[in-house]
Protein backbone atom coordinates (compact mmCIF):
# COMPACT_ATOMS: atom_id res chain seq x y z
CA UNK A 1 2.34 -31.59 18.69
CA UNK A 2 -1.35 -31.21 19.84
CA UNK A 3 -3.58 -29.22 17.44
CA UNK A 4 -6.74 -27.52 18.84
CA UNK A 5 -9.17 -26.13 16.17
CA UNK A 6 -11.65 -24.34 18.52
CA UNK A 7 -9.04 -22.73 20.71
CA UNK A 8 -6.68 -20.65 18.52
CA UNK A 9 -4.94 -19.42 21.67
CA UNK A 10 -3.63 -22.77 22.26
CA UNK A 11 -1.42 -22.58 19.22
CA UNK A 12 1.85 -20.74 18.99
CA UNK A 13 2.25 -18.20 16.25
CA UNK A 14 4.42 -20.63 14.17
CA UNK A 15 2.03 -23.56 14.75
CA UNK A 16 -0.87 -21.36 13.61
CA UNK A 17 1.15 -20.36 10.51
CA UNK A 18 1.99 -23.91 9.68
CA UNK A 19 -1.72 -24.94 10.09
CA UNK A 20 -2.81 -22.13 7.68
CA UNK A 21 -0.17 -23.21 5.12
CA UNK A 22 -1.24 -26.88 5.51
CA UNK A 23 -4.84 -25.71 4.88
CA UNK A 24 -4.04 -23.66 1.90
CA UNK A 25 -2.08 -26.79 0.32
CA UNK A 26 -5.37 -28.66 0.88
CA UNK A 27 -6.99 -26.00 -1.26
CA UNK A 28 -4.24 -26.28 -4.10
CA UNK A 29 -2.14 -23.24 -2.92
CA UNK A 30 1.28 -24.98 -3.00
CA UNK A 31 3.80 -22.42 -3.13
CA UNK A 32 3.93 -21.67 0.56
CA UNK A 33 6.38 -23.63 2.66
CA UNK A 34 5.60 -24.72 6.33
CA UNK A 35 8.02 -25.27 8.96
CA UNK A 36 6.39 -28.37 10.25
CA UNK A 37 4.01 -30.53 8.28
CA UNK A 38 2.83 -33.82 9.76
CA UNK A 39 -0.14 -36.15 9.66
CA UNK A 40 -1.71 -34.38 12.69
CA UNK A 41 -1.26 -30.92 11.18
CA UNK A 42 -2.71 -32.09 7.73
CA UNK A 43 -5.85 -33.63 9.42
CA UNK A 44 -6.38 -30.58 11.58
CA UNK A 45 -5.98 -28.39 8.42
CA UNK A 46 -8.57 -30.44 6.39
CA UNK A 47 -11.07 -30.06 9.30
CA UNK A 48 -11.01 -26.11 9.13
CA UNK A 49 -14.09 -24.90 7.57
CA UNK A 50 -13.81 -22.42 4.67
CA UNK A 51 -15.29 -19.66 6.93
CA UNK A 52 -12.98 -20.42 9.74
CA UNK A 53 -9.92 -20.66 7.26
CA UNK A 54 -10.82 -17.23 5.77
CA UNK A 55 -11.19 -15.46 9.22
CA UNK A 56 -7.82 -17.07 10.55
CA UNK A 57 -5.95 -16.12 7.44
CA UNK A 58 -7.23 -12.46 7.81
CA UNK A 59 -5.78 -12.24 11.28
CA UNK A 60 -2.48 -13.92 10.50
CA UNK A 61 0.36 -11.42 11.12
CA UNK A 62 2.50 -12.65 8.25
CA UNK A 63 1.67 -10.97 4.84
CA UNK A 64 2.86 -13.66 2.76
CA UNK A 65 0.28 -16.14 4.52
CA UNK A 66 -2.58 -13.70 4.96
CA UNK A 67 -2.38 -12.26 1.59
CA UNK A 68 -2.41 -15.83 0.15
CA UNK A 69 -6.36 -15.41 0.63
CA UNK A 70 -6.03 -13.63 -2.84
CA UNK A 71 -4.67 -16.58 -4.50
CA UNK A 72 -7.32 -18.78 -2.68
CA UNK A 73 -10.15 -16.69 -3.85
CA UNK A 74 -8.86 -16.60 -7.42
CA UNK A 75 -8.31 -20.34 -7.60
CA UNK A 76 -11.73 -21.06 -5.78
CA UNK A 77 -14.21 -18.49 -6.66
CA UNK A 78 -16.92 -20.80 -5.28
CA UNK A 79 -15.65 -19.44 -1.83
CA UNK A 80 -17.60 -16.26 -2.37
CA UNK A 81 -20.35 -17.23 -0.08
CA UNK A 82 -17.93 -18.36 2.62
CA UNK A 83 -16.01 -15.19 2.27
CA UNK A 84 -19.11 -12.93 2.69
CA UNK A 85 -20.16 -15.01 5.65
CA UNK A 86 -16.79 -14.70 7.36
CA UNK A 87 -16.94 -10.94 6.60
CA UNK A 88 -20.33 -10.69 8.18
CA UNK A 89 -19.60 -12.53 11.46
CA UNK A 90 -16.03 -11.17 12.00
CA UNK A 91 -15.20 -8.48 14.47
CA UNK A 92 -14.26 -4.97 13.19
CA UNK A 93 -10.65 -5.64 12.83
CA UNK A 94 -10.97 -9.01 10.96
CA UNK A 95 -13.73 -7.66 8.83
CA UNK A 96 -11.57 -4.76 7.83
CA UNK A 97 -8.75 -7.07 6.78
CA UNK A 98 -11.11 -9.38 4.93
CA UNK A 99 -12.44 -6.29 3.06
CA UNK A 100 -8.76 -5.52 1.94
CA UNK A 101 -8.28 -9.05 0.73
CA UNK A 102 -11.61 -9.17 -1.11
CA UNK A 103 -10.93 -5.85 -2.91
CA UNK A 104 -7.39 -6.63 -3.74
CA UNK A 105 -8.59 -9.78 -5.26
CA UNK A 106 -11.31 -8.09 -7.44
CA UNK A 107 -8.83 -5.37 -8.62
CA UNK A 108 -6.12 -7.88 -9.50
CA UNK A 109 -8.57 -10.28 -11.15
CA UNK A 110 -9.37 -7.45 -13.49
CA UNK A 111 -5.82 -6.32 -14.13
CA UNK A 112 -4.55 -9.90 -14.84
CA UNK A 113 -7.74 -11.43 -16.34
CA UNK A 114 -5.92 -12.61 -19.51
CA UNK A 115 -3.03 -14.26 -17.70
CA UNK A 116 -5.24 -15.91 -15.18
CA UNK A 117 -7.45 -17.27 -17.97
CA UNK A 118 -4.39 -18.84 -19.58
CA UNK A 119 -3.08 -20.11 -16.27
CA UNK A 120 -6.36 -21.41 -14.83
CA UNK A 121 -7.89 -22.74 -18.17
CA UNK A 122 -11.08 -20.73 -17.37
CA UNK A 123 -12.00 -17.17 -16.78
CA UNK A 124 -11.28 -16.03 -13.31
CA UNK A 125 -14.77 -15.25 -11.86
CA UNK A 126 -14.60 -14.31 -8.20
CA UNK A 127 -17.78 -12.56 -8.01
CA UNK A 128 -17.86 -8.69 -8.24
CA UNK A 129 -21.55 -8.56 -7.78
CA UNK A 130 -21.54 -10.19 -4.47
CA UNK A 131 -19.10 -7.60 -3.10
CA UNK A 132 -20.20 -4.44 -4.94
CA UNK A 133 -21.46 -2.97 -1.48
CA UNK A 134 -17.93 -3.29 -0.07
CA UNK A 135 -16.13 -0.94 -2.67
CA UNK A 136 -19.26 1.27 -2.57
CA UNK A 137 -19.26 1.56 1.17
CA UNK A 138 -15.47 2.30 1.12
CA UNK A 139 -15.98 4.92 -1.70
CA UNK A 140 -13.40 3.06 -3.88
CA UNK A 141 -13.31 2.64 -7.68
CA UNK A 142 -15.19 -0.05 -9.48
CA UNK A 143 -13.08 -3.09 -10.47
CA UNK A 144 -13.30 -2.20 -14.24
CA UNK A 145 -11.92 1.22 -13.86
CA UNK A 146 -8.60 1.25 -15.58
CA UNK A 147 -8.60 -2.52 -15.49
CA UNK A 148 -8.34 -2.48 -11.66
CA UNK A 149 -5.37 -0.24 -11.57
CA UNK A 150 -7.32 2.75 -10.10
CA UNK A 151 -8.68 0.52 -7.47
CA UNK A 152 -5.27 -0.92 -6.43
CA UNK A 153 -3.84 2.57 -6.11
CA UNK A 154 -6.87 3.75 -4.05
CA UNK A 155 -6.91 0.77 -1.83
CA UNK A 156 -3.18 1.07 -1.09
CA UNK A 157 -3.51 4.74 -0.35
CA UNK A 158 -6.49 3.87 2.02
CA UNK A 159 -4.35 1.20 3.73
CA UNK A 160 -1.44 3.48 4.03
CA UNK A 161 -3.63 6.10 5.65
CA UNK A 162 -5.43 3.65 7.93
CA UNK A 163 -2.25 2.02 9.26
CA UNK A 164 -0.06 5.02 9.10
CA UNK A 165 2.64 3.10 7.10
CA UNK A 166 4.22 3.95 3.72
CA UNK A 167 4.28 0.26 2.78
CA UNK A 168 4.10 -1.04 -0.61
CA UNK A 169 0.97 -3.05 -0.28
CA UNK A 170 0.40 -3.45 -3.92
CA UNK A 171 3.78 -5.21 -4.18
CA UNK A 172 2.66 -7.72 -1.53
CA UNK A 173 -0.67 -8.28 -3.20
CA UNK A 174 0.99 -8.65 -6.48
CA UNK A 175 3.37 -11.30 -5.23
CA UNK A 176 0.39 -13.63 -4.73
CA UNK A 177 -0.46 -13.31 -8.36
CA UNK A 178 2.93 -13.84 -9.34
CA UNK A 179 3.25 -17.06 -7.28
CA UNK A 180 -0.29 -18.34 -8.36
CA UNK A 181 0.57 -17.80 -12.13
CA UNK A 182 4.01 -19.62 -11.61
CA UNK A 183 2.14 -22.35 -10.00
CA UNK A 184 -0.57 -22.76 -12.52
CA UNK A 185 0.74 -21.84 -15.94
CA UNK A 186 2.83 -24.94 -16.40
CA UNK A 187 -0.20 -27.17 -15.86
CA UNK A 188 -1.97 -25.96 -19.00
CA UNK A 189 -1.47 -25.14 -22.43
CA UNK A 190 -2.01 -21.41 -23.17
CA UNK A 191 -5.53 -20.36 -24.14
CA UNK A 192 -5.63 -18.77 -27.60
CA UNK A 193 -9.12 -17.32 -27.71
CA UNK A 194 -9.47 -14.06 -25.83
CA UNK A 195 -11.72 -12.39 -28.31
CA UNK A 196 -13.66 -10.78 -25.56
CA UNK A 197 -10.77 -9.20 -24.06
CA UNK A 198 -9.65 -7.77 -27.43
CA UNK A 199 -12.94 -6.37 -28.15
CA UNK A 200 -12.83 -4.29 -25.05
CA UNK A 201 -12.82 -0.60 -25.73
CA UNK A 202 -12.07 2.49 -23.77
CA UNK A 203 -15.40 3.04 -22.28
CA UNK A 204 -14.06 2.49 -18.72
CA UNK A 205 -11.72 5.38 -19.19
CA UNK A 206 -14.61 7.82 -19.73
CA UNK A 207 -16.54 6.72 -16.55
CA UNK A 208 -16.09 8.63 -13.37
CA UNK A 209 -14.27 6.48 -10.69
CA UNK A 210 -14.05 7.53 -7.16
CA UNK A 211 -10.28 7.36 -6.56
CA UNK A 212 -8.58 7.99 -3.25
CA UNK A 213 -4.99 8.74 -4.25
CA UNK A 214 -1.80 10.30 -3.08
CA UNK A 215 -1.36 12.07 -6.51
CA UNK A 216 -3.68 12.67 -9.41
CA UNK A 217 -3.55 10.82 -12.63
CA UNK A 218 -1.87 12.51 -15.62
CA UNK A 219 -3.66 13.58 -18.68
CA UNK A 220 -2.01 14.67 -22.08
CA UNK A 221 -2.22 18.24 -20.96
CA UNK A 222 -0.33 17.35 -17.70
CA UNK A 223 2.36 15.54 -19.81
CA UNK A 224 2.84 18.52 -22.03
CA UNK A 225 3.02 20.90 -19.07
CA UNK A 226 5.65 18.65 -17.50
CA UNK A 227 7.73 18.71 -20.58
CA UNK A 228 7.46 22.40 -20.83
CA UNK A 229 8.45 22.86 -17.34
CA UNK A 230 11.39 20.53 -17.51
CA UNK A 231 12.70 22.41 -20.47
CA UNK A 232 12.79 25.47 -18.28
CA UNK A 233 14.12 23.87 -15.25
CA UNK A 234 16.98 21.97 -16.95
CA UNK A 235 18.94 24.21 -19.29
CA UNK A 236 21.38 21.58 -20.75
CA UNK A 237 21.00 19.47 -23.77
CA UNK A 238 19.48 16.10 -23.38
CA UNK A 239 16.98 13.57 -24.48
CA UNK A 240 13.88 12.34 -22.74
CA UNK A 241 11.86 9.41 -23.90
CA UNK A 242 8.13 8.89 -22.94
CA UNK A 243 7.39 5.14 -22.26
CA UNK A 244 4.61 3.29 -20.80
CA UNK A 245 0.93 4.60 -20.65
CA UNK A 246 2.24 8.09 -20.77
CA UNK A 247 3.50 7.58 -24.45
CA UNK A 248 0.08 6.31 -25.50
CA UNK A 249 -1.86 8.98 -23.59
CA UNK A 250 0.30 11.85 -25.02
CA UNK A 251 0.20 10.56 -28.65
CA UNK A 252 -3.64 10.26 -28.35
CA UNK A 253 -3.76 6.45 -28.78
CA UNK A 254 -5.22 5.92 -25.24
CA UNK A 255 -7.80 8.32 -24.10
CA UNK A 256 -8.25 9.67 -20.62
CA UNK A 257 -5.17 9.57 -18.19
CA UNK A 258 -2.48 7.41 -16.89
CA UNK A 259 -1.27 6.76 -13.30
CA UNK A 260 2.22 8.02 -13.97
CA UNK A 261 4.64 9.33 -16.51
CA UNK A 262 7.40 6.79 -17.34
CA UNK A 263 10.54 8.38 -18.67
CA UNK A 264 14.02 7.43 -19.88
CA UNK A 265 16.65 10.20 -19.76
CA UNK A 266 19.82 10.61 -21.64
CA UNK A 267 22.07 13.80 -20.81
CA UNK A 268 25.59 14.66 -19.82
CA UNK A 269 24.51 15.40 -16.09
CA UNK A 270 21.87 12.70 -15.26
CA UNK A 271 21.80 13.64 -11.52
CA UNK A 272 21.11 17.24 -12.18
CA UNK A 273 18.29 16.26 -14.51
CA UNK A 274 16.78 13.85 -12.10
CA UNK A 275 16.89 16.37 -9.28
CA UNK A 276 15.10 18.77 -11.73
CA UNK A 277 12.37 16.13 -12.41
CA UNK A 278 11.98 15.42 -8.78
CA UNK A 279 11.30 19.00 -8.01
CA UNK A 280 8.61 19.26 -10.60
CA UNK A 281 6.99 15.96 -9.05
CA UNK A 282 6.54 17.86 -5.86
CA UNK A 283 5.47 21.16 -7.51
CA UNK A 284 2.91 19.59 -9.92
CA UNK A 285 1.90 16.65 -7.63
CA UNK A 286 2.28 14.03 -10.30
CA UNK A 287 3.88 10.62 -10.43
CA UNK A 288 7.08 10.26 -12.55
CA UNK A 289 8.84 6.87 -12.89
CA UNK A 290 12.22 6.43 -14.40
CA UNK A 291 11.18 3.19 -16.18
CA UNK A 292 11.98 1.68 -19.49
CA UNK A 293 10.86 -1.49 -21.42
CA UNK A 294 14.55 -2.56 -21.13
CA UNK A 295 14.06 -2.87 -17.36
CA UNK A 296 11.70 -5.90 -18.15
CA UNK A 297 12.76 -7.42 -21.25
CA UNK A 298 15.59 -7.25 -23.90
CA UNK A 299 14.83 -4.60 -26.46
CA UNK A 300 15.83 -4.41 -30.04
CA UNK A 301 19.26 -3.04 -30.86
CA UNK A 302 17.81 -0.16 -33.17
CA UNK A 303 15.33 1.02 -30.51
CA UNK A 304 16.82 4.53 -30.42
CA UNK A 305 16.55 4.93 -34.22
CA UNK A 306 12.97 3.77 -34.08
CA UNK A 307 11.93 6.18 -31.41
CA UNK A 308 9.24 8.73 -32.58
CA UNK A 309 10.27 12.40 -32.25
CA UNK A 310 7.75 14.55 -30.27
CA UNK A 311 9.49 18.01 -30.29
CA UNK A 312 12.07 20.23 -28.39
CA UNK A 313 11.30 21.70 -24.94
CA UNK A 314 14.10 24.09 -24.03
CA UNK A 315 17.26 22.13 -24.89
CA UNK A 316 15.55 18.76 -24.35
CA UNK A 317 14.54 16.66 -27.38
CA UNK A 318 11.47 14.46 -26.41
CA UNK A 319 10.68 11.12 -27.96
CA UNK A 320 8.21 8.30 -27.81
CA UNK A 321 10.18 5.16 -26.69
CA UNK A 322 10.47 2.54 -29.56
CA UNK A 323 6.93 1.32 -29.86
CA UNK A 324 7.89 -2.24 -30.85
CA UNK A 325 9.93 -2.42 -27.53
CA UNK A 326 6.88 -0.96 -25.66
CA UNK A 327 4.55 -3.56 -27.31
CA UNK A 328 6.87 -6.53 -26.54
CA UNK A 329 7.15 -5.40 -22.81
CA UNK A 330 3.34 -5.20 -22.66
CA UNK A 331 3.02 -8.71 -24.18
CA UNK A 332 5.47 -9.96 -21.69
CA UNK A 333 3.46 -8.50 -18.75
CA UNK A 334 -0.05 -9.38 -20.46
CA UNK A 335 -2.35 -7.54 -18.15
CA UNK A 336 -5.63 -6.76 -19.75
CA UNK A 337 -4.72 -2.96 -19.99
CA UNK A 338 -1.42 -3.94 -21.78
CA UNK A 339 -3.15 -6.14 -24.31
CA UNK A 340 -5.67 -3.60 -25.21
CA UNK A 341 -2.73 -1.05 -25.70
CA UNK A 342 -1.05 -3.44 -28.03
CA UNK A 343 -4.23 -4.01 -29.94
CA UNK A 344 -4.71 -0.26 -30.37
CA UNK A 345 -1.06 0.12 -31.56
CA UNK A 346 -1.77 -2.35 -34.37
CA UNK A 347 -5.20 -1.23 -35.29
CA UNK A 348 -4.08 2.44 -35.55
CA UNK A 349 -1.12 1.27 -37.52
CA UNK A 350 1.59 2.71 -35.20
CA UNK A 351 3.16 -0.85 -35.58
CA UNK A 352 2.86 -3.70 -38.00
CA UNK A 353 2.70 -7.30 -37.20
CA UNK A 354 5.64 -8.02 -39.56
CA UNK A 355 7.95 -5.47 -37.70
CA UNK A 356 6.67 -6.78 -34.32
CA UNK A 357 7.60 -10.33 -35.38
CA UNK A 358 11.10 -9.21 -36.39
CA UNK A 359 11.55 -7.42 -33.10
CA UNK A 360 10.41 -10.53 -31.36
CA UNK A 361 12.69 -12.74 -33.11
CA UNK A 362 15.70 -10.45 -32.34
CA UNK A 363 15.05 -10.29 -28.58
CA UNK A 364 14.06 -13.85 -27.92
CA UNK A 365 17.65 -15.42 -27.68
CA UNK A 366 18.53 -12.89 -25.12
CA UNK A 367 15.67 -14.00 -22.72
CA UNK A 368 16.77 -16.30 -19.88
CA UNK A 369 20.13 -14.88 -19.86
CA UNK A 370 21.64 -12.05 -17.77
CA UNK A 371 20.22 -9.64 -16.85
CA UNK A 372 16.95 -11.27 -17.96
CA UNK A 373 17.46 -14.58 -16.19
CA UNK A 374 13.94 -14.71 -14.75
CA UNK A 375 12.38 -14.37 -18.17
CA UNK A 376 11.24 -17.99 -19.55
CA UNK A 377 11.80 -17.91 -23.28
CA UNK A 378 9.30 -20.74 -23.72
CA UNK A 379 6.69 -19.06 -21.83
CA UNK A 380 7.23 -15.85 -23.62
CA UNK A 381 6.92 -17.60 -26.95
CA UNK A 382 3.54 -19.27 -25.93
CA UNK A 383 2.37 -15.94 -24.79
CA UNK A 384 3.45 -13.97 -27.94
CA UNK A 385 1.93 -16.75 -30.12
CA UNK A 386 -1.33 -16.34 -28.35
CA UNK A 387 -1.41 -12.60 -28.59
CA UNK A 388 -0.19 -12.66 -32.19
CA UNK A 389 -2.83 -15.10 -33.37
CA UNK A 390 -5.65 -12.76 -31.97
CA UNK A 391 -4.00 -9.47 -33.27
CA UNK A 392 -3.89 -11.17 -36.69
CA UNK A 393 -7.62 -12.14 -36.54
CA UNK A 394 -8.42 -8.67 -35.45
CA UNK A 395 -6.45 -6.72 -37.99
C-alpha cells in the first residue's frame, strides 16, 4: 500500500482512518483498532505534524476516530498551540469541527477532573485560557459553570441545531473519556490528595452562564411545582423518590439548579404514572429522568427504609432516595460535581462516614457480578479509599 501524506485524496476512506489511528497510537491513544497496520503505515503516521493530524482528525467522518481528538488533547495538553494553529488555518467546516472538539475537551476536563488526575498522575490542564475566545464567540458557558455540565448541554444543543440531527453527541464525547480512563487508570496507583477539589465551593452555581438549552434547568421551586402538579394529574396512591442532583437541590444542600429531575416511582399502574409525568415534561418544559442509583451500582438492601420522607402530594408520597446509595453512586462516577456533593452530604451531617463505610461493605461483594459485571470491585475500592481519606481529613 502506498501512503501519500500531502495528497489526502490519494487515500481511500479506510486507509485514511487506519493512518489516523496509527498516528493516534504514536501519541499514546491505544484503544482504537486499525484494520491495517504495517511498517509503511506507521512510518507515514509518525511523519504527520501535530497541526496536520488535528486537521485531518477533524474532517474524519467516523465519530469514534474524529472524537479521539478529545483524548489526544487531554493526554497531551502541550498540543494547545498546534490545536490553535490548526483552528486558525482551517476552512470554515474544519474550523467548526475543531471548535466542537476543543470545547468538548474543556467541558469534559472540568467534569472529570478528579478521575483524570487519578488516571494521568497529574492534573489535566488543556488550556482554558488559550481558547476562551472560542466559547465567548459562540456564546457558550464557561467551562467551570456546573463543572462543565452546562457547557456540554449547550454544546450538544448547538450541534443538534447546526446539523439538524437529534444525535446524542454527549454520549459520543463521553465515550472518549471512558476509553481514556480505562486505558490510563491501570497504569498508576490512585492519587489520594485532591484537597483543591474538595475545597471547591458553590460559587460557580451563582454565576451567570450563557446556556443554550433545549429545556431550562430546574430549581427547588420547579421541583416543588412538578410534585404538586403530579399529585393532581395522577390520582392513585404511589411513591416517588427524588434522586441525583434533584434530591440535593430540593433539600437545599446544593444551591442553584440542576439539569434534570431524577425520579424513581412505585405504584400499582406505573404506565399511567409515567404517562402523567411525560405530559408534565412537555407542559412545564423541564427534564425528567427515570434514573436510580441502582442503575449504576448495587445499593444497600435497606435503602427504602432509609429514604427520607418529603411529604404527600395528592395521593403520592415523596421521598429523597437513600442518601448512602446516592453517595456511593456519586463516588463510583467521581466527577468533580459528584465529589463535591458527597463532601456536602458529610459536612452537613446528612450522612456519616461510619454508615457510609457500612453501606460500602455491604454492596462491594455484589460488584463485578450481574447486573453489575462492568463494575471493577478493585477500582471502586481504590476510588472509595481515596475519597474516604479526604472526607475524613475534611470532617
